[in-house]
């Protein structure tokens, strides 16, 4: 009987241990901090407002996944690395009501949003949610927390924005594209957490490690397969 896939992988980044989660999130145990990139709440609602036939229920699904992580870890700080809300059209009464109800379940938890490009158009979360909103970069320990990937003169950057994915190739023409973490010397990219987001296929550069996510697990791509 095959063993279950690993649910997390610990990596050393900037001299600090970080835990890459199969749930497409990052856990920093030293600071009891959970980092999430690109939630894009209300995206499906925004598309439906434009007459596009897209599925409903994605906001509830995303918030349930967040609940599961917050139950699993003794989190003392939740940080969103940008694109919390997708668009102004996605700020429907239903989406905002679901968010308010979710927040009541975690009322004492400090939450910070590093404002991303979609946040600038969608507007900041309602003040009643008690979410601190800051511009990038947010300095935290040895890291600079960004939405858009860039370099920082003194700190390792943790960022999202591009929704990274990696294409694994099998025999013949078999291939599969999976969301991934991309870990380099100066920059770590987080996959998009939202369940209704696209992805950008990336090819790692020299020294970059790739951790793909699929089937409820996470694996490092061996160097010989890159």
N, C-alpha and C. Protein backbone atom coordinates (compact mmCIF):
# COMPACT_ATOMS: atom_id res chain seq x y z
N UNK A 1 0.85 -1.20 0.00
CA UNK A 1 0.00 0.00 0.00
C UNK A 1 0.88 1.25 0.00
N UNK A 2 0.62 2.17 -0.92
CA UNK A 2 1.45 3.37 -1.04
C UNK A 2 1.25 4.27 0.17
N UNK A 3 2.35 4.89 0.60
CA UNK A 3 2.27 5.83 1.72
C UNK A 3 1.63 7.12 1.24
N UNK A 4 0.95 7.85 2.14
CA UNK A 4 0.31 9.10 1.74
C UNK A 4 1.36 10.13 1.35
N UNK A 5 1.01 11.05 0.46
CA UNK A 5 1.96 12.08 0.05
C UNK A 5 2.28 13.02 1.20
N UNK A 6 3.49 13.59 1.24
CA UNK A 6 3.83 14.53 2.31
C UNK A 6 2.95 15.77 2.25
N UNK A 7 2.49 16.22 3.41
CA UNK A 7 1.60 17.39 3.46
C UNK A 7 2.37 18.70 3.60
N UNK A 8 3.66 18.60 3.89
CA UNK A 8 4.47 19.81 4.04
C UNK A 8 5.94 19.46 3.84
N UNK A 9 6.72 20.48 3.56
CA UNK A 9 8.17 20.35 3.43
C UNK A 9 8.81 21.54 4.13
N UNK A 10 9.78 21.28 4.98
CA UNK A 10 10.51 22.35 5.66
C UNK A 10 11.74 22.72 4.84
N UNK A 11 11.97 24.02 4.69
CA UNK A 11 13.12 24.53 3.94
C UNK A 11 13.79 25.63 4.75
N UNK A 12 15.08 25.79 4.53
CA UNK A 12 15.82 26.90 5.14
C UNK A 12 15.90 28.04 4.15
N UNK A 13 15.39 29.19 4.55
CA UNK A 13 15.40 30.38 3.71
C UNK A 13 15.89 31.54 4.56
N UNK A 14 16.93 32.21 4.11
CA UNK A 14 17.51 33.34 4.84
C UNK A 14 17.84 32.94 6.28
N UNK A 15 18.34 31.71 6.45
CA UNK A 15 18.72 31.23 7.78
C UNK A 15 17.53 30.89 8.67
N UNK A 16 16.32 30.86 8.10
CA UNK A 16 15.10 30.64 8.87
C UNK A 16 14.35 29.44 8.31
N UNK A 17 13.78 28.63 9.19
CA UNK A 17 13.02 27.48 8.74
C UNK A 17 11.59 27.89 8.42
N UNK A 18 11.18 27.57 7.20
CA UNK A 18 9.82 27.82 6.75
C UNK A 18 9.20 26.49 6.34
N UNK A 19 7.90 26.40 6.49
CA UNK A 19 7.18 25.17 6.16
C UNK A 19 6.28 25.45 4.96
N UNK A 20 6.56 24.78 3.84
CA UNK A 20 5.74 24.90 2.64
C UNK A 20 4.62 23.88 2.73
N UNK A 21 3.40 24.33 2.62
CA UNK A 21 2.24 23.48 2.86
C UNK A 21 1.57 23.07 1.55
N UNK A 22 1.07 21.83 1.53
CA UNK A 22 0.34 21.34 0.37
C UNK A 22 -0.95 22.12 0.14
N UNK A 23 -1.40 22.84 1.16
CA UNK A 23 -2.60 23.69 1.02
C UNK A 23 -2.30 25.01 0.32
N UNK A 24 -1.08 25.14 -0.23
CA UNK A 24 -0.66 26.34 -0.97
C UNK A 24 -0.54 27.56 -0.04
N UNK A 25 0.02 27.32 1.12
CA UNK A 25 0.27 28.37 2.10
C UNK A 25 1.65 28.13 2.72
N UNK A 26 2.13 29.12 3.44
CA UNK A 26 3.45 29.03 4.06
C UNK A 26 3.31 29.28 5.56
N UNK A 27 3.90 28.39 6.36
CA UNK A 27 3.86 28.51 7.81
C UNK A 27 5.24 28.82 8.33
N UNK A 28 5.34 29.92 9.10
CA UNK A 28 6.60 30.35 9.72
C UNK A 28 6.44 30.13 11.22
N UNK A 29 6.91 28.98 11.68
CA UNK A 29 6.62 28.57 13.06
C UNK A 29 7.28 29.48 14.09
N UNK A 30 8.46 29.99 13.79
CA UNK A 30 9.16 30.84 14.75
C UNK A 30 8.34 32.06 15.11
N UNK A 31 7.62 32.61 14.14
CA UNK A 31 6.77 33.78 14.38
C UNK A 31 5.29 33.43 14.50
N UNK A 32 4.97 32.14 14.44
CA UNK A 32 3.57 31.71 14.48
C UNK A 32 2.74 32.48 13.45
N UNK A 33 3.31 32.58 12.24
CA UNK A 33 2.72 33.40 11.18
C UNK A 33 2.37 32.53 9.99
N UNK A 34 1.15 32.70 9.50
CA UNK A 34 0.69 32.00 8.30
C UNK A 34 0.63 33.01 7.16
N UNK A 35 1.24 32.66 6.03
CA UNK A 35 1.27 33.56 4.88
C UNK A 35 0.49 32.95 3.73
N UNK A 36 -0.38 33.78 3.15
CA UNK A 36 -1.27 33.38 2.06
C UNK A 36 -1.11 34.40 0.93
N UNK A 37 -0.98 33.91 -0.30
CA UNK A 37 -0.88 34.82 -1.45
C UNK A 37 -2.08 34.65 -2.37
N UNK A 38 -2.58 35.75 -2.87
CA UNK A 38 -3.54 35.74 -3.98
C UNK A 38 -4.80 34.92 -3.69
N UNK A 39 -5.56 35.42 -2.73
CA UNK A 39 -6.84 34.79 -2.39
C UNK A 39 -7.91 35.09 -3.44
N UNK A 40 -7.94 36.31 -3.94
CA UNK A 40 -8.87 36.73 -5.00
C UNK A 40 -10.33 36.43 -4.64
N UNK A 41 -10.72 36.81 -3.44
CA UNK A 41 -12.11 36.62 -3.03
C UNK A 41 -13.04 37.44 -3.92
N UNK A 42 -14.18 36.86 -4.24
CA UNK A 42 -15.17 37.56 -5.06
C UNK A 42 -14.90 37.51 -6.55
N UNK A 43 -13.88 36.76 -6.97
CA UNK A 43 -13.57 36.72 -8.40
C UNK A 43 -14.71 36.10 -9.20
N UNK A 44 -15.22 34.96 -8.74
CA UNK A 44 -16.31 34.32 -9.46
C UNK A 44 -17.55 35.21 -9.48
N UNK A 45 -17.83 35.87 -8.35
CA UNK A 45 -18.98 36.78 -8.30
C UNK A 45 -18.81 37.92 -9.28
N UNK A 46 -17.59 38.42 -9.42
CA UNK A 46 -17.32 39.48 -10.37
C UNK A 46 -17.55 39.03 -11.81
N UNK A 47 -17.17 37.81 -12.12
CA UNK A 47 -17.41 37.28 -13.46
C UNK A 47 -18.90 37.09 -13.72
N UNK A 48 -19.61 36.60 -12.70
CA UNK A 48 -21.05 36.43 -12.88
C UNK A 48 -21.74 37.77 -13.09
N UNK A 49 -21.23 38.82 -12.44
CA UNK A 49 -21.81 40.16 -12.62
C UNK A 49 -21.63 40.64 -14.06
N UNK A 50 -20.64 40.09 -14.75
CA UNK A 50 -20.41 40.44 -16.15
C UNK A 50 -21.12 39.49 -17.11
N UNK A 51 -21.94 38.58 -16.54
CA UNK A 51 -22.70 37.67 -17.37
C UNK A 51 -21.99 36.40 -17.74
N UNK A 52 -20.84 36.11 -17.09
CA UNK A 52 -20.09 34.91 -17.40
C UNK A 52 -20.60 33.75 -16.54
N UNK A 53 -20.85 32.57 -17.15
CA UNK A 53 -21.38 31.43 -16.41
C UNK A 53 -20.29 30.68 -15.66
N UNK A 54 -19.90 31.18 -14.52
CA UNK A 54 -18.85 30.53 -13.72
C UNK A 54 -19.47 29.98 -12.44
N UNK A 55 -18.84 28.98 -11.82
CA UNK A 55 -19.45 28.34 -10.66
C UNK A 55 -19.50 29.25 -9.45
N UNK A 56 -20.47 28.99 -8.58
CA UNK A 56 -20.57 29.71 -7.32
C UNK A 56 -19.96 28.85 -6.21
N UNK A 57 -19.81 29.45 -5.04
CA UNK A 57 -19.31 28.70 -3.89
C UNK A 57 -17.83 28.78 -3.66
N UNK A 58 -17.10 29.51 -4.52
CA UNK A 58 -15.64 29.55 -4.36
C UNK A 58 -15.22 30.33 -3.12
N UNK A 59 -15.97 31.40 -2.77
CA UNK A 59 -15.63 32.15 -1.56
C UNK A 59 -15.77 31.27 -0.33
N UNK A 60 -16.86 30.55 -0.23
CA UNK A 60 -17.06 29.64 0.91
C UNK A 60 -15.97 28.59 0.98
N UNK A 61 -15.60 28.04 -0.19
CA UNK A 61 -14.53 27.03 -0.24
C UNK A 61 -13.21 27.60 0.25
N UNK A 62 -12.86 28.80 -0.20
CA UNK A 62 -11.60 29.42 0.21
C UNK A 62 -11.58 29.69 1.71
N UNK A 63 -12.69 30.18 2.24
CA UNK A 63 -12.74 30.49 3.67
C UNK A 63 -12.72 29.21 4.51
N UNK A 64 -13.32 28.15 4.02
CA UNK A 64 -13.25 26.86 4.73
C UNK A 64 -11.82 26.33 4.76
N UNK A 65 -11.09 26.51 3.67
CA UNK A 65 -9.70 26.07 3.63
C UNK A 65 -8.86 26.89 4.61
N UNK A 66 -9.15 28.18 4.69
CA UNK A 66 -8.46 29.02 5.68
C UNK A 66 -8.78 28.57 7.10
N UNK A 67 -10.04 28.27 7.35
CA UNK A 67 -10.44 27.77 8.67
C UNK A 67 -9.64 26.53 9.06
N UNK A 68 -9.50 25.61 8.11
CA UNK A 68 -8.79 24.37 8.39
C UNK A 68 -7.34 24.63 8.77
N UNK A 69 -6.69 25.57 8.09
CA UNK A 69 -5.31 25.90 8.41
C UNK A 69 -5.21 26.56 9.79
N UNK A 70 -6.14 27.44 10.09
CA UNK A 70 -6.09 28.14 11.38
C UNK A 70 -6.41 27.20 12.53
N UNK A 71 -7.14 26.14 12.26
CA UNK A 71 -7.39 25.12 13.28
C UNK A 71 -6.17 24.22 13.47
N UNK A 72 -5.43 24.05 12.39
CA UNK A 72 -4.26 23.15 12.42
C UNK A 72 -3.06 23.78 13.11
N UNK A 73 -2.89 25.08 12.96
CA UNK A 73 -1.71 25.77 13.50
C UNK A 73 -2.11 26.76 14.59
N UNK A 74 -1.20 26.94 15.53
CA UNK A 74 -1.41 27.93 16.59
C UNK A 74 -0.99 29.30 16.06
N UNK A 75 -1.78 29.82 15.15
CA UNK A 75 -1.42 31.03 14.42
C UNK A 75 -1.63 32.27 15.28
N UNK A 76 -0.62 33.15 15.28
CA UNK A 76 -0.72 34.42 15.99
C UNK A 76 -0.72 35.62 15.05
N UNK A 77 -0.54 35.36 13.76
CA UNK A 77 -0.53 36.45 12.78
C UNK A 77 -0.81 35.84 11.41
N UNK A 78 -1.82 36.36 10.73
CA UNK A 78 -2.16 35.93 9.37
C UNK A 78 -1.82 37.07 8.42
N UNK A 79 -1.00 36.77 7.42
CA UNK A 79 -0.57 37.78 6.45
C UNK A 79 -1.01 37.37 5.05
N UNK A 80 -1.71 38.27 4.38
CA UNK A 80 -2.08 38.07 2.99
C UNK A 80 -1.11 38.86 2.11
N UNK A 81 -0.45 38.17 1.19
CA UNK A 81 0.52 38.83 0.32
C UNK A 81 -0.18 39.35 -0.95
N UNK A 82 -1.18 40.17 -0.74
CA UNK A 82 -1.81 40.87 -1.85
C UNK A 82 -2.95 40.12 -2.52
N UNK A 83 -3.77 40.89 -3.24
CA UNK A 83 -4.92 40.40 -3.99
C UNK A 83 -5.88 39.61 -3.09
N UNK A 84 -6.28 40.26 -2.01
CA UNK A 84 -7.26 39.69 -1.09
C UNK A 84 -8.64 39.66 -1.76
N UNK A 85 -9.07 40.80 -2.28
CA UNK A 85 -10.30 40.89 -3.08
C UNK A 85 -9.91 41.02 -4.55
N UNK A 86 -10.74 40.46 -5.42
CA UNK A 86 -10.37 40.43 -6.83
C UNK A 86 -10.71 41.72 -7.57
N UNK A 87 -11.92 42.24 -7.33
CA UNK A 87 -12.38 43.41 -8.09
C UNK A 87 -13.49 44.12 -7.35
N UNK A 88 -13.79 45.33 -7.79
CA UNK A 88 -14.89 46.07 -7.19
C UNK A 88 -16.22 45.36 -7.42
N UNK A 89 -16.39 44.73 -8.60
CA UNK A 89 -17.63 44.03 -8.89
C UNK A 89 -17.80 42.79 -8.03
N UNK A 90 -16.69 42.30 -7.50
CA UNK A 90 -16.76 41.12 -6.64
C UNK A 90 -17.14 41.42 -5.21
N UNK A 91 -17.26 42.69 -4.87
CA UNK A 91 -17.65 43.08 -3.50
C UNK A 91 -19.16 42.99 -3.35
N UNK A 92 -19.71 41.83 -3.59
CA UNK A 92 -21.15 41.65 -3.51
C UNK A 92 -21.57 41.55 -2.04
N UNK A 93 -22.84 41.81 -1.74
CA UNK A 93 -23.31 41.64 -0.36
C UNK A 93 -23.06 40.23 0.17
N UNK A 94 -23.19 39.23 -0.69
CA UNK A 94 -22.98 37.86 -0.26
C UNK A 94 -21.51 37.61 0.12
N UNK A 95 -20.59 38.12 -0.72
CA UNK A 95 -19.16 37.94 -0.44
C UNK A 95 -18.77 38.65 0.85
N UNK A 96 -19.23 39.89 1.01
CA UNK A 96 -18.87 40.65 2.21
C UNK A 96 -19.51 40.05 3.46
N UNK A 97 -20.71 39.51 3.33
CA UNK A 97 -21.36 38.88 4.49
C UNK A 97 -20.61 37.61 4.90
N UNK A 98 -20.15 36.84 3.91
CA UNK A 98 -19.38 35.63 4.21
C UNK A 98 -18.06 35.99 4.90
N UNK A 99 -17.44 37.06 4.44
CA UNK A 99 -16.20 37.52 5.06
C UNK A 99 -16.43 37.97 6.49
N UNK A 100 -17.48 38.72 6.72
CA UNK A 100 -17.77 39.21 8.07
C UNK A 100 -18.04 38.04 9.02
N UNK A 101 -18.78 37.04 8.53
CA UNK A 101 -19.08 35.88 9.37
C UNK A 101 -17.80 35.10 9.66
N UNK A 102 -16.93 34.96 8.65
CA UNK A 102 -15.64 34.28 8.85
C UNK A 102 -14.80 35.01 9.89
N UNK A 103 -14.80 36.33 9.82
CA UNK A 103 -13.96 37.11 10.74
C UNK A 103 -14.41 36.95 12.19
N UNK A 104 -15.70 36.77 12.40
CA UNK A 104 -16.18 36.59 13.77
C UNK A 104 -15.62 35.32 14.40
N UNK A 105 -15.29 34.33 13.57
CA UNK A 105 -14.73 33.08 14.09
C UNK A 105 -13.27 33.24 14.48
N UNK A 106 -12.64 34.33 14.01
CA UNK A 106 -11.22 34.56 14.29
C UNK A 106 -11.02 36.02 14.71
N UNK A 107 -11.91 36.49 15.56
CA UNK A 107 -11.96 37.92 15.90
C UNK A 107 -10.69 38.42 16.56
N UNK A 108 -10.00 37.56 17.30
CA UNK A 108 -8.81 38.01 18.04
C UNK A 108 -7.53 37.88 17.24
N UNK A 109 -7.60 37.33 16.05
CA UNK A 109 -6.39 37.07 15.26
C UNK A 109 -5.94 38.33 14.52
N UNK A 110 -4.71 38.80 14.75
CA UNK A 110 -4.19 39.92 13.96
C UNK A 110 -4.01 39.50 12.49
N UNK A 111 -4.52 40.33 11.59
CA UNK A 111 -4.43 40.04 10.16
C UNK A 111 -3.86 41.26 9.45
N UNK A 112 -2.92 41.01 8.56
CA UNK A 112 -2.31 42.08 7.77
C UNK A 112 -2.43 41.76 6.29
N UNK A 113 -2.76 42.75 5.51
CA UNK A 113 -2.79 42.63 4.05
C UNK A 113 -1.72 43.54 3.46
N UNK A 114 -0.79 42.94 2.71
CA UNK A 114 0.16 43.72 1.92
C UNK A 114 -0.54 44.01 0.60
N UNK A 115 -0.86 45.26 0.38
CA UNK A 115 -1.74 45.62 -0.73
C UNK A 115 -1.13 45.21 -2.08
N UNK A 116 -1.95 44.54 -2.92
CA UNK A 116 -1.53 44.11 -4.25
C UNK A 116 -2.22 44.90 -5.34
N UNK A 117 -1.93 44.55 -6.59
CA UNK A 117 -2.48 45.30 -7.71
C UNK A 117 -4.01 45.18 -7.78
N UNK A 118 -4.57 44.02 -7.49
CA UNK A 118 -6.03 43.89 -7.51
C UNK A 118 -6.66 44.64 -6.34
N UNK A 119 -5.97 44.68 -5.21
CA UNK A 119 -6.51 45.41 -4.06
C UNK A 119 -6.64 46.90 -4.37
N UNK A 120 -5.72 47.42 -5.16
CA UNK A 120 -5.78 48.85 -5.48
C UNK A 120 -7.02 49.17 -6.30
N UNK A 121 -7.50 48.22 -7.09
CA UNK A 121 -8.70 48.45 -7.89
C UNK A 121 -9.97 48.04 -7.15
N UNK A 122 -9.87 46.97 -6.36
CA UNK A 122 -11.04 46.48 -5.63
C UNK A 122 -11.36 47.33 -4.41
N UNK A 123 -10.33 47.99 -3.87
CA UNK A 123 -10.49 48.73 -2.63
C UNK A 123 -10.10 47.88 -1.44
N UNK A 124 -9.72 48.52 -0.36
CA UNK A 124 -9.32 47.80 0.84
C UNK A 124 -10.50 47.04 1.43
N UNK A 125 -10.24 45.99 2.20
CA UNK A 125 -11.32 45.27 2.87
C UNK A 125 -12.11 46.21 3.77
N UNK A 126 -13.39 45.94 4.00
CA UNK A 126 -14.18 46.78 4.90
C UNK A 126 -13.50 46.95 6.25
N UNK A 127 -13.57 48.15 6.79
CA UNK A 127 -12.89 48.46 8.05
C UNK A 127 -13.35 47.55 9.18
N UNK A 128 -14.62 47.11 9.12
CA UNK A 128 -15.15 46.27 10.17
C UNK A 128 -14.47 44.92 10.29
N UNK A 129 -13.71 44.52 9.27
CA UNK A 129 -12.99 43.25 9.33
C UNK A 129 -11.74 43.35 10.20
N UNK A 130 -11.32 44.56 10.50
CA UNK A 130 -10.15 44.73 11.36
C UNK A 130 -8.87 44.21 10.75
N UNK A 131 -8.69 44.41 9.45
CA UNK A 131 -7.48 43.97 8.75
C UNK A 131 -6.57 45.17 8.54
N UNK A 132 -5.35 45.07 9.03
CA UNK A 132 -4.36 46.13 8.79
C UNK A 132 -3.89 46.04 7.34
N UNK A 133 -3.94 47.15 6.63
CA UNK A 133 -3.53 47.18 5.23
C UNK A 133 -2.28 48.04 5.10
N UNK A 134 -1.23 47.47 4.49
CA UNK A 134 0.05 48.18 4.36
C UNK A 134 0.52 48.09 2.91
N UNK A 135 1.38 49.03 2.55
CA UNK A 135 2.02 48.99 1.24
C UNK A 135 3.24 48.08 1.31
N UNK A 136 3.59 47.49 0.16
CA UNK A 136 4.81 46.69 0.12
C UNK A 136 6.03 47.61 0.06
N UNK A 137 7.15 47.18 0.65
CA UNK A 137 7.37 45.93 1.37
C UNK A 137 7.04 46.06 2.86
N UNK A 138 6.67 44.93 3.46
CA UNK A 138 6.51 44.84 4.91
C UNK A 138 7.70 44.05 5.45
N UNK A 139 8.54 44.71 6.24
CA UNK A 139 9.72 44.04 6.80
C UNK A 139 9.30 43.22 8.01
N UNK A 140 9.68 41.94 7.99
CA UNK A 140 9.35 41.05 9.09
C UNK A 140 10.50 40.05 9.23
N UNK A 141 11.27 40.17 10.31
CA UNK A 141 12.44 39.33 10.49
C UNK A 141 13.41 39.53 9.33
N UNK A 142 13.93 38.43 8.75
CA UNK A 142 14.87 38.56 7.63
C UNK A 142 14.18 38.73 6.28
N UNK A 143 12.85 38.90 6.30
CA UNK A 143 12.09 38.89 5.05
C UNK A 143 11.49 40.26 4.74
N UNK A 144 11.32 40.50 3.45
CA UNK A 144 10.52 41.61 2.95
C UNK A 144 9.29 41.00 2.31
N UNK A 145 8.12 41.29 2.86
CA UNK A 145 6.88 40.70 2.36
C UNK A 145 6.30 41.60 1.28
N UNK A 146 6.18 41.04 0.10
CA UNK A 146 5.71 41.78 -1.08
C UNK A 146 4.49 41.08 -1.67
N UNK A 147 3.81 41.80 -2.54
CA UNK A 147 2.87 41.14 -3.45
C UNK A 147 3.60 40.82 -4.75
N UNK A 148 4.12 41.83 -5.41
CA UNK A 148 4.81 41.61 -6.67
C UNK A 148 6.27 41.26 -6.41
N UNK A 149 6.78 40.22 -7.09
CA UNK A 149 8.17 39.81 -6.86
C UNK A 149 9.16 40.87 -7.33
N UNK A 150 10.20 41.05 -6.53
CA UNK A 150 11.24 42.01 -6.85
C UNK A 150 12.45 41.65 -6.00
N UNK A 151 13.48 42.45 -6.07
CA UNK A 151 14.64 42.25 -5.22
C UNK A 151 14.65 43.29 -4.11
N UNK A 152 15.29 42.93 -3.01
CA UNK A 152 15.42 43.85 -1.88
C UNK A 152 16.90 43.89 -1.50
N UNK A 153 17.44 45.07 -1.18
CA UNK A 153 18.89 45.16 -0.92
C UNK A 153 19.37 44.42 0.32
N UNK A 154 18.50 44.23 1.31
CA UNK A 154 18.95 43.58 2.55
C UNK A 154 18.17 42.31 2.91
N UNK A 155 17.01 42.10 2.36
CA UNK A 155 16.15 41.03 2.85
C UNK A 155 15.73 40.07 1.73
N UNK A 156 15.43 38.85 2.14
CA UNK A 156 14.86 37.86 1.23
C UNK A 156 13.38 38.21 1.04
N UNK A 157 12.94 38.21 -0.21
CA UNK A 157 11.57 38.60 -0.54
C UNK A 157 10.66 37.38 -0.60
N UNK A 158 9.52 37.46 0.08
CA UNK A 158 8.44 36.50 -0.06
C UNK A 158 7.30 37.20 -0.80
N UNK A 159 6.85 36.61 -1.90
CA UNK A 159 5.89 37.30 -2.77
C UNK A 159 4.96 36.31 -3.45
N UNK A 160 3.93 36.86 -4.08
CA UNK A 160 2.97 36.08 -4.85
C UNK A 160 2.84 36.66 -6.24
N UNK A 161 1.62 37.05 -6.60
CA UNK A 161 1.29 37.80 -7.81
C UNK A 161 1.28 36.97 -9.09
N UNK A 162 2.30 36.16 -9.33
CA UNK A 162 2.39 35.48 -10.63
C UNK A 162 1.70 34.13 -10.66
N UNK A 163 1.22 33.62 -9.52
CA UNK A 163 0.54 32.31 -9.47
C UNK A 163 1.42 31.23 -10.11
N UNK A 164 2.61 30.98 -9.57
CA UNK A 164 3.56 30.09 -10.24
C UNK A 164 3.07 28.65 -10.37
N UNK A 165 3.40 28.06 -11.52
CA UNK A 165 3.12 26.65 -11.78
C UNK A 165 4.33 26.06 -12.51
N UNK A 166 4.44 24.74 -12.44
CA UNK A 166 5.56 24.05 -13.09
C UNK A 166 5.00 22.89 -13.89
N UNK A 167 5.57 22.66 -15.08
CA UNK A 167 5.11 21.60 -15.96
C UNK A 167 6.01 20.37 -15.81
N UNK A 168 5.43 19.31 -15.27
CA UNK A 168 6.14 18.04 -15.16
C UNK A 168 5.87 17.21 -16.41
N UNK A 169 6.93 16.64 -16.98
CA UNK A 169 6.80 15.87 -18.21
C UNK A 169 7.07 14.40 -17.92
N UNK A 170 6.20 13.55 -18.44
CA UNK A 170 6.37 12.12 -18.29
C UNK A 170 6.84 11.50 -19.58
N UNK A 171 6.52 10.24 -19.75
CA UNK A 171 6.92 9.54 -20.97
C UNK A 171 6.09 10.01 -22.15
N UNK A 172 6.72 10.02 -23.31
CA UNK A 172 6.02 10.45 -24.50
C UNK A 172 5.56 11.88 -24.39
N UNK A 173 4.27 12.10 -24.60
CA UNK A 173 3.72 13.45 -24.54
C UNK A 173 2.99 13.72 -23.23
N UNK A 174 3.11 12.82 -22.29
CA UNK A 174 2.43 13.01 -21.02
C UNK A 174 3.04 14.18 -20.25
N UNK A 175 2.18 15.01 -19.73
CA UNK A 175 2.64 16.14 -18.93
C UNK A 175 1.49 16.62 -18.05
N UNK A 176 1.87 17.28 -16.96
CA UNK A 176 0.89 17.85 -16.06
C UNK A 176 1.45 19.15 -15.51
N UNK A 177 0.60 20.13 -15.38
CA UNK A 177 1.02 21.42 -14.84
C UNK A 177 0.45 21.57 -13.44
N UNK A 178 1.34 21.84 -12.48
CA UNK A 178 0.96 21.89 -11.08
C UNK A 178 1.37 23.21 -10.44
N UNK A 179 0.56 23.74 -9.51
CA UNK A 179 1.00 24.92 -8.76
C UNK A 179 2.25 24.59 -7.97
N UNK A 180 3.05 25.60 -7.70
CA UNK A 180 4.33 25.33 -7.05
C UNK A 180 4.81 26.52 -6.22
N UNK A 181 5.71 26.20 -5.29
CA UNK A 181 6.56 27.19 -4.65
C UNK A 181 7.86 27.23 -5.44
N UNK A 182 8.42 28.40 -5.61
CA UNK A 182 9.71 28.56 -6.26
C UNK A 182 10.62 29.29 -5.28
N UNK A 183 11.68 28.60 -4.82
CA UNK A 183 12.55 29.11 -3.76
C UNK A 183 13.93 29.38 -4.32
N UNK A 184 14.34 30.64 -4.29
CA UNK A 184 15.67 31.02 -4.75
C UNK A 184 16.48 31.65 -3.64
N UNK A 185 17.64 32.14 -3.98
CA UNK A 185 18.54 32.72 -2.98
C UNK A 185 17.99 34.00 -2.40
N UNK A 186 17.34 34.81 -3.22
CA UNK A 186 16.86 36.12 -2.77
C UNK A 186 15.35 36.28 -2.83
N UNK A 187 14.64 35.31 -3.44
CA UNK A 187 13.21 35.45 -3.65
C UNK A 187 12.52 34.09 -3.54
N UNK A 188 11.40 34.08 -2.81
CA UNK A 188 10.54 32.90 -2.76
C UNK A 188 9.15 33.30 -3.26
N UNK A 189 8.64 32.55 -4.24
CA UNK A 189 7.30 32.79 -4.79
C UNK A 189 6.33 31.78 -4.21
N UNK A 190 5.18 32.29 -3.73
CA UNK A 190 4.12 31.44 -3.21
C UNK A 190 3.08 31.19 -4.30
N UNK A 191 2.48 30.00 -4.33
CA UNK A 191 1.38 29.77 -5.26
C UNK A 191 0.14 30.54 -4.84
N UNK A 192 -0.78 30.71 -5.77
CA UNK A 192 -2.03 31.39 -5.43
C UNK A 192 -2.88 30.45 -4.57
N UNK A 193 -3.43 31.01 -3.49
CA UNK A 193 -4.26 30.21 -2.58
C UNK A 193 -5.68 30.05 -3.10
N UNK A 194 -6.18 31.05 -3.79
CA UNK A 194 -7.56 31.04 -4.24
C UNK A 194 -7.87 29.85 -5.14
N UNK A 195 -9.08 29.33 -5.02
CA UNK A 195 -9.48 28.16 -5.79
C UNK A 195 -9.98 28.49 -7.19
N UNK A 196 -10.11 29.78 -7.51
CA UNK A 196 -10.59 30.18 -8.82
C UNK A 196 -9.61 31.19 -9.41
N UNK A 197 -8.37 30.74 -9.58
CA UNK A 197 -7.32 31.61 -10.14
C UNK A 197 -6.58 30.85 -11.22
N UNK A 198 -5.98 31.58 -12.12
CA UNK A 198 -5.14 30.96 -13.14
C UNK A 198 -3.74 30.74 -12.60
N UNK A 199 -2.83 30.39 -13.50
CA UNK A 199 -1.44 30.14 -13.10
C UNK A 199 -0.51 30.45 -14.27
N UNK A 200 0.72 30.77 -13.94
CA UNK A 200 1.74 31.05 -14.95
C UNK A 200 2.83 29.98 -14.86
N UNK A 201 3.06 29.29 -15.95
CA UNK A 201 4.10 28.27 -15.97
C UNK A 201 5.47 28.94 -15.98
N UNK A 202 6.30 28.55 -15.02
CA UNK A 202 7.63 29.14 -14.89
C UNK A 202 8.71 28.08 -15.06
N UNK A 203 9.84 28.49 -15.55
CA UNK A 203 11.01 27.63 -15.65
C UNK A 203 12.03 28.13 -14.64
N UNK A 204 12.45 27.30 -13.68
CA UNK A 204 13.36 27.78 -12.64
C UNK A 204 14.72 28.16 -13.20
N UNK A 205 15.31 29.17 -12.58
CA UNK A 205 16.66 29.57 -12.93
C UNK A 205 17.69 28.78 -12.12
N UNK A 206 18.93 29.10 -12.32
CA UNK A 206 20.02 28.42 -11.61
C UNK A 206 19.88 28.62 -10.10
N UNK A 207 19.93 27.51 -9.37
CA UNK A 207 19.87 27.59 -7.92
C UNK A 207 18.47 27.68 -7.34
N UNK A 208 17.44 27.75 -8.18
CA UNK A 208 16.07 27.82 -7.68
C UNK A 208 15.50 26.42 -7.47
N UNK A 209 14.86 26.23 -6.33
CA UNK A 209 14.23 24.96 -6.02
C UNK A 209 12.74 25.05 -6.30
N UNK A 210 12.18 23.95 -6.82
CA UNK A 210 10.77 23.91 -7.19
C UNK A 210 10.07 22.85 -6.34
N UNK A 211 8.94 23.24 -5.74
CA UNK A 211 8.13 22.33 -4.92
C UNK A 211 6.72 22.34 -5.49
N UNK A 212 6.33 21.23 -6.11
CA UNK A 212 5.02 21.16 -6.77
C UNK A 212 3.98 20.59 -5.82
N UNK A 213 2.73 20.96 -6.07
CA UNK A 213 1.61 20.58 -5.21
C UNK A 213 0.58 19.85 -6.05
N UNK A 214 0.15 18.70 -5.55
CA UNK A 214 -0.89 17.95 -6.24
C UNK A 214 -1.33 16.75 -5.43
N UNK A 215 -2.57 16.34 -5.62
CA UNK A 215 -3.11 15.16 -4.95
C UNK A 215 -2.96 15.25 -3.43
N UNK A 216 -3.08 16.47 -2.90
CA UNK A 216 -3.00 16.66 -1.45
C UNK A 216 -1.61 16.59 -0.88
N UNK A 217 -0.59 16.59 -1.73
CA UNK A 217 0.78 16.50 -1.24
C UNK A 217 1.69 17.54 -1.88
N UNK A 218 2.93 17.57 -1.44
CA UNK A 218 3.92 18.50 -1.97
C UNK A 218 5.25 17.77 -2.11
N UNK A 219 5.94 18.00 -3.22
CA UNK A 219 7.21 17.33 -3.50
C UNK A 219 8.20 18.32 -4.11
N UNK A 220 9.49 18.09 -3.83
CA UNK A 220 10.53 18.85 -4.52
C UNK A 220 10.82 18.18 -5.85
N UNK A 221 10.94 18.98 -6.89
CA UNK A 221 11.29 18.47 -8.21
C UNK A 221 12.80 18.22 -8.23
N UNK A 222 13.23 16.98 -8.49
CA UNK A 222 14.67 16.69 -8.53
C UNK A 222 15.38 17.52 -9.59
N UNK A 223 16.62 17.85 -9.32
CA UNK A 223 17.40 18.69 -10.22
C UNK A 223 17.46 18.09 -11.63
N UNK A 224 17.56 16.77 -11.72
CA UNK A 224 17.71 16.14 -13.03
C UNK A 224 16.45 16.20 -13.89
N UNK A 225 15.32 16.55 -13.25
CA UNK A 225 14.06 16.65 -14.00
C UNK A 225 13.74 18.07 -14.44
N UNK A 226 14.51 19.04 -13.97
CA UNK A 226 14.20 20.43 -14.31
C UNK A 226 14.61 20.73 -15.75
